[in-house]
Amino acid sequence: MEKERRHYVFRGSVQGVGFRYRASHAASMYGVTGWVCNRYDGSVEMEAQGQPEAIDQMVAVLRRDRYIFIEDMDVKVIPVQEDSGFHIRSGW
């Protein structure tokens, strides 16, 4: 199966609850690359690249976290890019 890259915007209780740290940890567990950052409007933006099942598992970890509450999530598939690792970007 080929790699896929997805762009996410998460809304809800997603800032100030360790979302970016948890996303980075989950990405390393499942071999996902990309980045995550806080947005000025209180949402969190993320791009994740890897096997589709691995990305799904990564998002499932975030949904199960007891401090993170995802009320709404926008997702779209975007072109695969050359990148390595998963990075926490400073927001805004």
PDB file of N, CA and C in Angstrom:
ATOM      1  N   MET A   1       0.839  -1.184   0.000  1.00  0.00           N
ATOM      2  CA  MET A   1       0.000   0.000   0.000  1.00  0.00           C
ATOM      3  C   MET A   1       0.886   1.250   0.000  1.00  0.00           C
ATOM      4  N   GLU A   2       0.488   2.242  -0.729  1.00  0.00           N
ATOM      5  CA  GLU A   2       1.288   3.456  -0.854  1.00  0.00           C
ATOM      6  C   GLU A   2       1.033   4.433   0.284  1.00  0.00           C
ATOM      7  N   LYS A   3       2.030   5.277   0.505  1.00  0.00           N
ATOM      8  CA  LYS A   3       1.891   6.324   1.517  1.00  0.00           C
ATOM      9  C   LYS A   3       0.832   7.327   1.113  1.00  0.00           C
ATOM     10  N   GLU A   4       0.294   7.970   2.130  1.00  0.00           N
ATOM     11  CA  GLU A   4      -0.713   9.006   1.941  1.00  0.00           C
ATOM     12  C   GLU A   4      -0.343  10.162   2.864  1.00  0.00           C
ATOM     13  N   ARG A   5      -0.698  11.366   2.473  1.00  0.00           N
ATOM     14  CA  ARG A   5      -0.493  12.543   3.332  1.00  0.00           C
ATOM     15  C   ARG A   5      -1.856  13.190   3.543  1.00  0.00           C
ATOM     16  N   ARG A   6      -2.150  13.502   4.791  1.00  0.00           N
ATOM     17  CA  ARG A   6      -3.441  14.114   5.127  1.00  0.00           C
ATOM     18  C   ARG A   6      -3.215  15.410   5.899  1.00  0.00           C
ATOM     19  N   HIS A   7      -4.046  16.373   5.612  1.00  0.00           N
ATOM     20  CA  HIS A   7      -4.056  17.649   6.330  1.00  0.00           C
ATOM     21  C   HIS A   7      -5.278  17.641   7.246  1.00  0.00           C
ATOM     22  N   TYR A   8      -5.051  17.926   8.530  1.00  0.00           N
ATOM     23  CA  TYR A   8      -6.114  17.937   9.537  1.00  0.00           C
ATOM     24  C   TYR A   8      -6.225  19.302  10.196  1.00  0.00           C
ATOM     25  N   VAL A   9      -7.438  19.631  10.589  1.00  0.00           N
ATOM     26  CA  VAL A   9      -7.688  20.719  11.528  1.00  0.00           C
ATOM     27  C   VAL A   9      -8.614  20.134  12.591  1.00  0.00           C
ATOM     28  N   PHE A  10      -8.131  20.141  13.837  1.00  0.00           N
ATOM     29  CA  PHE A  10      -8.883  19.616  14.970  1.00  0.00           C
ATOM     30  C   PHE A  10      -9.440  20.775  15.784  1.00  0.00           C
ATOM     31  N   ARG A  11     -10.716  20.662  16.199  1.00  0.00           N
ATOM     32  CA  ARG A  11     -11.349  21.672  17.034  1.00  0.00           C
ATOM     33  C   ARG A  11     -11.921  21.005  18.282  1.00  0.00           C
ATOM     34  N   GLY A  12     -11.979  21.766  19.340  1.00  0.00           N
ATOM     35  CA  GLY A  12     -12.483  21.265  20.613  1.00  0.00           C
ATOM     36  C   GLY A  12     -11.516  21.661  21.708  1.00  0.00           C
ATOM     37  N   SER A  13     -11.373  20.810  22.704  1.00  0.00           N
ATOM     38  CA  SER A  13     -10.371  21.033  23.752  1.00  0.00           C
ATOM     39  C   SER A  13      -9.072  20.400  23.273  1.00  0.00           C
ATOM     40  N   VAL A  14      -8.359  21.164  22.430  1.00  0.00           N
ATOM     41  CA  VAL A  14      -7.170  20.618  21.770  1.00  0.00           C
ATOM     42  C   VAL A  14      -5.911  21.440  22.021  1.00  0.00           C
ATOM     43  N   GLN A  15      -6.040  22.587  22.680  1.00  0.00           N
ATOM     44  CA  GLN A  15      -4.849  23.369  23.049  1.00  0.00           C
ATOM     45  C   GLN A  15      -4.739  23.391  24.570  1.00  0.00           C
ATOM     46  N   GLY A  16      -3.501  23.343  25.046  1.00  0.00           N
ATOM     47  CA  GLY A  16      -3.260  23.361  26.480  1.00  0.00           C
ATOM     48  C   GLY A  16      -3.509  22.025  27.154  1.00  0.00           C
ATOM     49  N   VAL A  17      -3.610  20.951  26.363  1.00  0.00           N
ATOM     50  CA  VAL A  17      -3.893  19.616  26.909  1.00  0.00           C
ATOM     51  C   VAL A  17      -2.852  18.584  26.467  1.00  0.00           C
ATOM     52  N   GLY A  18      -1.740  19.031  25.898  1.00  0.00           N
ATOM     53  CA  GLY A  18      -0.694  18.112  25.466  1.00  0.00           C
ATOM     54  C   GLY A  18      -0.913  17.494  24.098  1.00  0.00           C
ATOM     55  N   PHE A  19      -1.794  18.088  23.306  1.00  0.00           N
ATOM     56  CA  PHE A  19      -2.130  17.517  21.994  1.00  0.00           C
ATOM     57  C   PHE A  19      -0.892  17.359  21.125  1.00  0.00           C
ATOM     58  N   ARG A  20      -0.090  18.418  20.997  1.00  0.00           N
ATOM     59  CA  ARG A  20       1.069  18.364  20.095  1.00  0.00           C
ATOM     60  C   ARG A  20       2.089  17.326  20.554  1.00  0.00           C
ATOM     61  N   TYR A  21       2.339  17.273  21.860  1.00  0.00           N
ATOM     62  CA  TYR A  21       3.264  16.274  22.392  1.00  0.00           C
ATOM     63  C   TYR A  21       2.730  14.867  22.124  1.00  0.00           C
ATOM     64  N   ARG A  22       1.444  14.656  22.387  1.00  0.00           N
ATOM     65  CA  ARG A  22       0.828  13.335  22.191  1.00  0.00           C
ATOM     66  C   ARG A  22       0.851  12.951  20.714  1.00  0.00           C
ATOM     67  N   ALA A  23       0.607  13.917  19.827  1.00  0.00           N
ATOM     68  CA  ALA A  23       0.651  13.641  18.384  1.00  0.00           C
ATOM     69  C   ALA A  23       2.056  13.223  17.961  1.00  0.00           C
ATOM     70  N   SER A  24       3.052  13.919  18.477  1.00  0.00           N
ATOM     71  CA  SER A  24       4.434  13.595  18.148  1.00  0.00           C
ATOM     72  C   SER A  24       4.798  12.190  18.634  1.00  0.00           C
ATOM     73  N   HIS A  25       4.380  11.860  19.829  1.00  0.00           N
ATOM     74  CA  HIS A  25       4.652  10.538  20.380  1.00  0.00           C
ATOM     75  C   HIS A  25       3.955   9.450  19.553  1.00  0.00           C
ATOM     76  N   ALA A  26       2.682   9.662  19.232  1.00  0.00           N
ATOM     77  CA  ALA A  26       1.928   8.685  18.441  1.00  0.00           C
ATOM     78  C   ALA A  26       2.533   8.531  17.042  1.00  0.00           C
ATOM     79  N   ALA A  27       2.988   9.637  16.457  1.00  0.00           N
ATOM     80  CA  ALA A  27       3.612   9.569  15.130  1.00  0.00           C
ATOM     81  C   ALA A  27       4.857   8.683  15.171  1.00  0.00           C
ATOM     82  N   SER A  28       5.653   8.832  16.215  1.00  0.00           N
ATOM     83  CA  SER A  28       6.862   8.009  16.312  1.00  0.00           C
ATOM     84  C   SER A  28       6.502   6.541  16.541  1.00  0.00           C
ATOM     85  N   MET A  29       5.427   6.267  17.243  1.00  0.00           N
ATOM     86  CA  MET A  29       4.987   4.878  17.477  1.00  0.00           C
ATOM     87  C   MET A  29       4.585   4.191  16.177  1.00  0.00           C
ATOM     88  N   TYR A  30       3.973   4.948  15.262  1.00  0.00           N
ATOM     89  CA  TYR A  30       3.413   4.351  14.049  1.00  0.00           C
ATOM     90  C   TYR A  30       4.189   4.690  12.778  1.00  0.00           C
ATOM     91  N   GLY A  31       5.335   5.338  12.904  1.00  0.00           N
ATOM     92  CA  GLY A  31       6.162   5.633  11.730  1.00  0.00           C
ATOM     93  C   GLY A  31       5.568   6.683  10.818  1.00  0.00           C
ATOM     94  N   VAL A  32       4.857   7.640  11.393  1.00  0.00           N
ATOM     95  CA  VAL A  32       4.217   8.707  10.630  1.00  0.00           C
ATOM     96  C   VAL A  32       5.114   9.945  10.651  1.00  0.00           C
ATOM     97  N   THR A  33       5.237  10.610   9.521  1.00  0.00           N
ATOM     98  CA  THR A  33       5.993  11.855   9.445  1.00  0.00           C
ATOM     99  C   THR A  33       5.028  13.018   9.264  1.00  0.00           C
ATOM    100  N   GLY A  34       5.554  14.238   9.406  1.00  0.00           N
ATOM    101  CA  GLY A  34       4.728  15.428   9.209  1.00  0.00           C
ATOM    102  C   GLY A  34       4.984  16.460  10.278  1.00  0.00           C
ATOM    103  N   TRP A  35       3.930  17.175  10.663  1.00  0.00           N
ATOM    104  CA  TRP A  35       4.054  18.244  11.647  1.00  0.00           C
ATOM    105  C   TRP A  35       2.710  18.535  12.300  1.00  0.00           C
ATOM    106  N   VAL A  36       2.777  19.264  13.420  1.00  0.00           N
ATOM    107  CA  VAL A  36       1.575  19.687  14.138  1.00  0.00           C
ATOM    108  C   VAL A  36       1.837  21.069  14.720  1.00  0.00           C
ATOM    109  N   CYS A  37       0.810  21.918  14.767  1.00  0.00           N
ATOM    110  CA  CYS A  37       0.968  23.244  15.383  1.00  0.00           C
ATOM    111  C   CYS A  37      -0.377  23.776  15.863  1.00  0.00           C
ATOM    112  N   ASN A  38      -0.297  24.652  16.869  1.00  0.00           N
ATOM    113  CA  ASN A  38      -1.483  25.359  17.350  1.00  0.00           C
ATOM    114  C   ASN A  38      -1.824  26.477  16.387  1.00  0.00           C
ATOM    115  N   ARG A  39      -3.116  26.760  16.254  1.00  0.00           N
ATOM    116  CA  ARG A  39      -3.568  27.883  15.428  1.00  0.00           C
ATOM    117  C   ARG A  39      -4.158  28.961  16.335  1.00  0.00           C
ATOM    118  N   TYR A  40      -4.144  30.183  15.829  1.00  0.00           N
ATOM    119  CA  TYR A  40      -4.607  31.337  16.612  1.00  0.00           C
ATOM    120  C   TYR A  40      -6.051  31.213  17.084  1.00  0.00           C
ATOM    121  N   ASP A  41      -6.877  30.456  16.369  1.00  0.00           N
ATOM    122  CA  ASP A  41      -8.298  30.361  16.701  1.00  0.00           C
ATOM    123  C   ASP A  41      -8.620  29.276  17.731  1.00  0.00           C
ATOM    124  N   GLY A  42      -7.572  28.636  18.307  1.00  0.00           N
ATOM    125  CA  GLY A  42      -7.782  27.606  19.315  1.00  0.00           C
ATOM    126  C   GLY A  42      -7.805  26.196  18.766  1.00  0.00           C
ATOM    127  N   SER A  43      -7.723  26.057  17.454  1.00  0.00           N
ATOM    128  CA  SER A  43      -7.677  24.728  16.849  1.00  0.00           C
ATOM    129  C   SER A  43      -6.225  24.273  16.718  1.00  0.00           C
ATOM    130  N   VAL A  44      -6.044  23.033  16.286  1.00  0.00           N
ATOM    131  CA  VAL A  44      -4.719  22.478  16.033  1.00  0.00           C
ATOM    132  C   VAL A  44      -4.691  21.971  14.601  1.00  0.00           C
ATOM    133  N   GLU A  45      -3.622  22.323  13.894  1.00  0.00           N
ATOM    134  CA  GLU A  45      -3.429  21.912  12.509  1.00  0.00           C
ATOM    135  C   GLU A  45      -2.346  20.842  12.460  1.00  0.00           C
ATOM    136  N   MET A  46      -2.536  19.844  11.585  1.00  0.00           N
ATOM    137  CA  MET A  46      -1.557  18.769  11.494  1.00  0.00           C
ATOM    138  C   MET A  46      -1.508  18.234  10.066  1.00  0.00           C
ATOM    139  N   GLU A  47      -0.311  17.887   9.618  1.00  0.00           N
ATOM    140  CA  GLU A  47      -0.139  17.097   8.410  1.00  0.00           C
ATOM    141  C   GLU A  47       0.534  15.809   8.822  1.00  0.00           C
ATOM    142  N   ALA A  48      -0.021  14.685   8.372  1.00  0.00           N
ATOM    143  CA  ALA A  48       0.498  13.370   8.731  1.00  0.00           C
ATOM    144  C   ALA A  48       0.673  12.556   7.460  1.00  0.00           C
ATOM    145  N   GLN A  49       1.828  11.902   7.342  1.00  0.00           N
ATOM    146  CA  GLN A  49       2.144  11.119   6.157  1.00  0.00           C
ATOM    147  C   GLN A  49       2.640   9.740   6.565  1.00  0.00           C
ATOM    148  N   GLY A  50       2.111   8.736   5.902  1.00  0.00           N
ATOM    149  CA  GLY A  50       2.524   7.356   6.165  1.00  0.00           C
ATOM    150  C   GLY A  50       1.514   6.405   5.558  1.00  0.00           C
ATOM    151  N   GLN A  51       1.571   5.169   5.999  1.00  0.00           N
ATOM    152  CA  GLN A  51       0.569   4.203   5.563  1.00  0.00           C
ATOM    153  C   GLN A  51      -0.789   4.636   6.114  1.00  0.00           C
ATOM    154  N   PRO A  52      -1.855   4.541   5.318  1.00  0.00           N
ATOM    155  CA  PRO A  52      -3.173   4.993   5.801  1.00  0.00           C
ATOM    156  C   PRO A  52      -3.578   4.399   7.143  1.00  0.00           C
ATOM    157  N   GLU A  53      -3.286   3.097   7.352  1.00  0.00           N
ATOM    158  CA  GLU A  53      -3.647   2.468   8.627  1.00  0.00           C
ATOM    159  C   GLU A  53      -2.871   3.088   9.783  1.00  0.00           C
ATOM    160  N   ALA A  54      -1.609   3.435   9.541  1.00  0.00           N
ATOM    161  CA  ALA A  54      -0.785   4.038  10.587  1.00  0.00           C
ATOM    162  C   ALA A  54      -1.323   5.417  10.970  1.00  0.00           C
ATOM    163  N   ILE A  55      -1.736   6.193   9.981  1.00  0.00           N
ATOM    164  CA  ILE A  55      -2.308   7.520  10.269  1.00  0.00           C
ATOM    165  C   ILE A  55      -3.612   7.358  11.046  1.00  0.00           C
ATOM    166  N   ASP A  56      -4.434   6.396  10.644  1.00  0.00           N
ATOM    167  CA  ASP A  56      -5.687   6.138  11.358  1.00  0.00           C
ATOM    168  C   ASP A  56      -5.424   5.772  12.816  1.00  0.00           C
ATOM    169  N   GLN A  57      -4.409   4.935  13.052  1.00  0.00           N
ATOM    170  CA  GLN A  57      -4.065   4.541  14.419  1.00  0.00           C
ATOM    171  C   GLN A  57      -3.574   5.740  15.219  1.00  0.00           C
ATOM    172  N   MET A  58      -2.789   6.592  14.589  1.00  0.00           N
ATOM    173  CA  MET A  58      -2.289   7.786  15.254  1.00  0.00           C
ATOM    174  C   MET A  58      -3.452   8.677  15.709  1.00  0.00           C
ATOM    175  N   VAL A  59      -4.399   8.919  14.825  1.00  0.00           N
ATOM    176  CA  VAL A  59      -5.557   9.751  15.169  1.00  0.00           C
ATOM    177  C   VAL A  59      -6.402   9.071  16.252  1.00  0.00           C
ATOM    178  N   ALA A  60      -6.502   7.754  16.204  1.00  0.00           N
ATOM    179  CA  ALA A  60      -7.259   7.021  17.227  1.00  0.00           C
ATOM    180  C   ALA A  60      -6.631   7.219  18.610  1.00  0.00           C
ATOM    181  N   VAL A  61      -5.298   7.249  18.673  1.00  0.00           N
ATOM    182  CA  VAL A  61      -4.610   7.510  19.949  1.00  0.00           C
ATOM    183  C   VAL A  61      -5.008   8.878  20.486  1.00  0.00           C
ATOM    184  N   LEU A  62      -5.051   9.875  19.606  1.00  0.00           N
ATOM    185  CA  LEU A  62      -5.431  11.228  20.028  1.00  0.00           C
ATOM    186  C   LEU A  62      -6.876  11.254  20.520  1.00  0.00           C
ATOM    187  N   ARG A  63      -7.760  10.563  19.837  1.00  0.00           N
ATOM    188  CA  ARG A  63      -9.172  10.535  20.230  1.00  0.00           C
ATOM    189  C   ARG A  63      -9.384   9.851  21.583  1.00  0.00           C
ATOM    190  N   ARG A  64      -8.533   8.878  21.909  1.00  0.00           N
ATOM    191  CA  ARG A  64      -8.685   8.131  23.167  1.00  0.00           C
ATOM    192  C   ARG A  64      -8.057   8.831  24.365  1.00  0.00           C
ATOM    193  N   ASP A  65      -7.255   9.860  24.137  1.00  0.00           N
ATOM    194  CA  ASP A  65      -6.575  10.531  25.234  1.00  0.00           C
ATOM    195  C   ASP A  65      -7.602  11.149  26.172  1.00  0.00           C
ATOM    196  N   ARG A  66      -7.364  11.019  27.471  1.00  0.00           N
ATOM    197  CA  ARG A  66      -8.365  11.489  28.439  1.00  0.00           C
ATOM    198  C   ARG A  66      -8.421  13.003  28.578  1.00  0.00           C
ATOM    199  N   TYR A  67      -7.399  13.720  28.122  1.00  0.00           N
ATOM    200  CA  TYR A  67      -7.385  15.182  28.240  1.00  0.00           C
ATOM    201  C   TYR A  67      -7.784  15.892  26.946  1.00  0.00           C
ATOM    202  N   ILE A  68      -7.652  15.200  25.844  1.00  0.00           N
ATOM    203  CA  ILE A  68      -7.983  15.774  24.538  1.00  0.00           C
ATOM    204  C   ILE A  68      -9.442  15.460  24.224  1.00  0.00           C
ATOM    205  N   PHE A  69     -10.184  16.490  23.799  1.00  0.00           N
ATOM    206  CA  PHE A  69     -11.568  16.269  23.368  1.00  0.00           C
ATOM    207  C   PHE A  69     -11.744  16.897  21.994  1.00  0.00           C
ATOM    208  N   ILE A  70     -11.788  16.055  20.973  1.00  0.00           N
ATOM    209  CA  ILE A  70     -11.945  16.516  19.590  1.00  0.00           C
ATOM    210  C   ILE A  70     -13.439  16.594  19.293  1.00  0.00           C
ATOM    211  N   GLU A  71     -13.939  17.829  19.145  1.00  0.00           N
ATOM    212  CA  GLU A  71     -15.351  18.034  18.820  1.00  0.00           C
ATOM    213  C   GLU A  71     -15.599  17.938  17.325  1.00  0.00           C
ATOM    214  N   ASP A  72     -14.633  18.409  16.544  1.00  0.00           N
ATOM    215  CA  ASP A  72     -14.793  18.457  15.088  1.00  0.00           C
ATOM    216  C   ASP A  72     -13.420  18.279  14.455  1.00  0.00           C
ATOM    217  N   MET A  73     -13.404  17.672  13.278  1.00  0.00           N
ATOM    218  CA  MET A  73     -12.140  17.408  12.605  1.00  0.00           C
ATOM    219  C   MET A  73     -12.357  17.522  11.098  1.00  0.00           C
ATOM    220  N   ASP A  74     -11.582  18.402  10.461  1.00  0.00           N
ATOM    221  CA  ASP A  74     -11.574  18.480   9.000  1.00  0.00           C
ATOM    222  C   ASP A  74     -10.358  17.721   8.520  1.00  0.00           C
ATOM    223  N   VAL A  75     -10.523  16.931   7.475  1.00  0.00           N
ATOM    224  CA  VAL A  75      -9.392  16.175   6.933  1.00  0.00           C
ATOM    225  C   VAL A  75      -9.495  16.131   5.414  1.00  0.00           C
ATOM    226  N   LYS A  76      -8.347  16.280   4.765  1.00  0.00           N
ATOM    227  CA  LYS A  76      -8.303  16.105   3.314  1.00  0.00           C
ATOM    228  C   LYS A  76      -6.970  15.478   2.941  1.00  0.00           C
ATOM    229  N   VAL A  77      -7.003  14.680   1.897  1.00  0.00           N
ATOM    230  CA  VAL A  77      -5.790  14.049   1.379  1.00  0.00           C
ATOM    231  C   VAL A  77      -5.083  15.069   0.501  1.00  0.00           C
ATOM    232  N   ILE A  78      -3.774  15.204   0.703  1.00  0.00           N
ATOM    233  CA  ILE A  78      -2.957  16.142  -0.065  1.00  0.00           C
ATOM    234  C   ILE A  78      -1.777  15.386  -0.658  1.00  0.00           C
ATOM    235  N   PRO A  79      -1.026  15.998  -1.571  1.00  0.00           N
ATOM    236  CA  PRO A  79       0.095  15.292  -2.195  1.00  0.00           C
ATOM    237  C   PRO A  79       1.185  14.894  -1.189  1.00  0.00           C
ATOM    238  N   VAL A  80       1.737  13.723  -1.403  1.00  0.00           N
ATOM    239  CA  VAL A  80       2.841  13.219  -0.582  1.00  0.00           C
ATOM    240  C   VAL A  80       4.057  14.106  -0.797  1.00  0.00           C
ATOM    241  N   GLN A  81       4.805  14.346   0.281  1.00  0.00           N
ATOM    242  CA  GLN A  81       6.008  15.176   0.228  1.00  0.00           C
ATOM    243  C   GLN A  81       7.194  14.389   0.767  1.00  0.00           C
ATOM    244  N   GLU A  82       8.382  14.820   0.393  1.00  0.00           N
ATOM    245  CA  GLU A  82       9.586  14.263   0.990  1.00  0.00           C
ATOM    246  C   GLU A  82       9.784  14.931   2.340  1.00  0.00           C
ATOM    247  N   ASP A  83       9.746  14.158   3.408  1.00  0.00           N
ATOM    248  CA  ASP A  83      10.057  14.702   4.721  1.00  0.00           C
ATOM    249  C   ASP A  83      10.542  13.580   5.620  1.00  0.00           C
ATOM    250  N   SER A  84      11.114  13.943   6.726  1.00  0.00           N
ATOM    251  CA  SER A  84      11.588  12.948   7.676  1.00  0.00           C
ATOM    252  C   SER A  84      11.177  13.378   9.072  1.00  0.00           C
ATOM    253  N   GLY A  85      10.762  12.446   9.855  1.00  0.00           N
ATOM    254  CA  GLY A  85      10.379  12.740  11.218  1.00  0.00           C
ATOM    255  C   GLY A  85       9.050  13.458  11.332  1.00  0.00           C
ATOM    256  N   PHE A  86       8.691  13.732  12.557  1.00  0.00           N
ATOM    257  CA  PHE A  86       7.460  14.458  12.861  1.00  0.00           C
ATOM    258  C   PHE A  86       7.849  15.617  13.752  1.00  0.00           C
ATOM    259  N   HIS A  87       7.403  16.805  13.407  1.00  0.00           N
ATOM    260  CA  HIS A  87       7.871  18.019  14.074  1.00  0.00           C
ATOM    261  C   HIS A  87       6.723  18.799  14.716  1.00  0.00           C
ATOM    262  N   ILE A  88       7.006  19.347  15.870  1.00  0.00           N
ATOM    263  CA  ILE A  88       6.079  20.277  16.514  1.00  0.00           C
ATOM    264  C   ILE A  88       6.496  21.665  16.081  1.00  0.00           C
ATOM    265  N   ARG A  89       5.599  22.367  15.418  1.00  0.00           N
ATOM    266  CA  ARG A  89       5.875  23.730  14.973  1.00  0.00           C
ATOM    267  C   ARG A  89       5.270  24.721  15.958  1.00  0.00           C
ATOM    268  N   SER A  90       5.929  25.849  16.075  1.00  0.00           N
ATOM    269  CA  SER A  90       5.321  26.891  16.893  1.00  0.00           C
ATOM    270  C   SER A  90       4.132  27.458  16.108  1.00  0.00           C
ATOM    271  N   GLY A  91       3.079  27.735  16.792  1.00  0.00           N
ATOM    272  CA  GLY A  91       1.866  28.185  16.134  1.00  0.00           C
ATOM    273  C   GLY A  91       1.800  29.681  15.927  1.00  0.00           C
ATOM    274  N   TRP A  92       0.749  30.095  15.298  1.00  0.00           N
ATOM    275  CA  TRP A  92       0.386  31.483  15.040  1.00  0.00           C
ATOM    276  C   TRP A  92       1.464  32.134  14.276  1.00  0.00           C
TER     277      TRP A  92
END
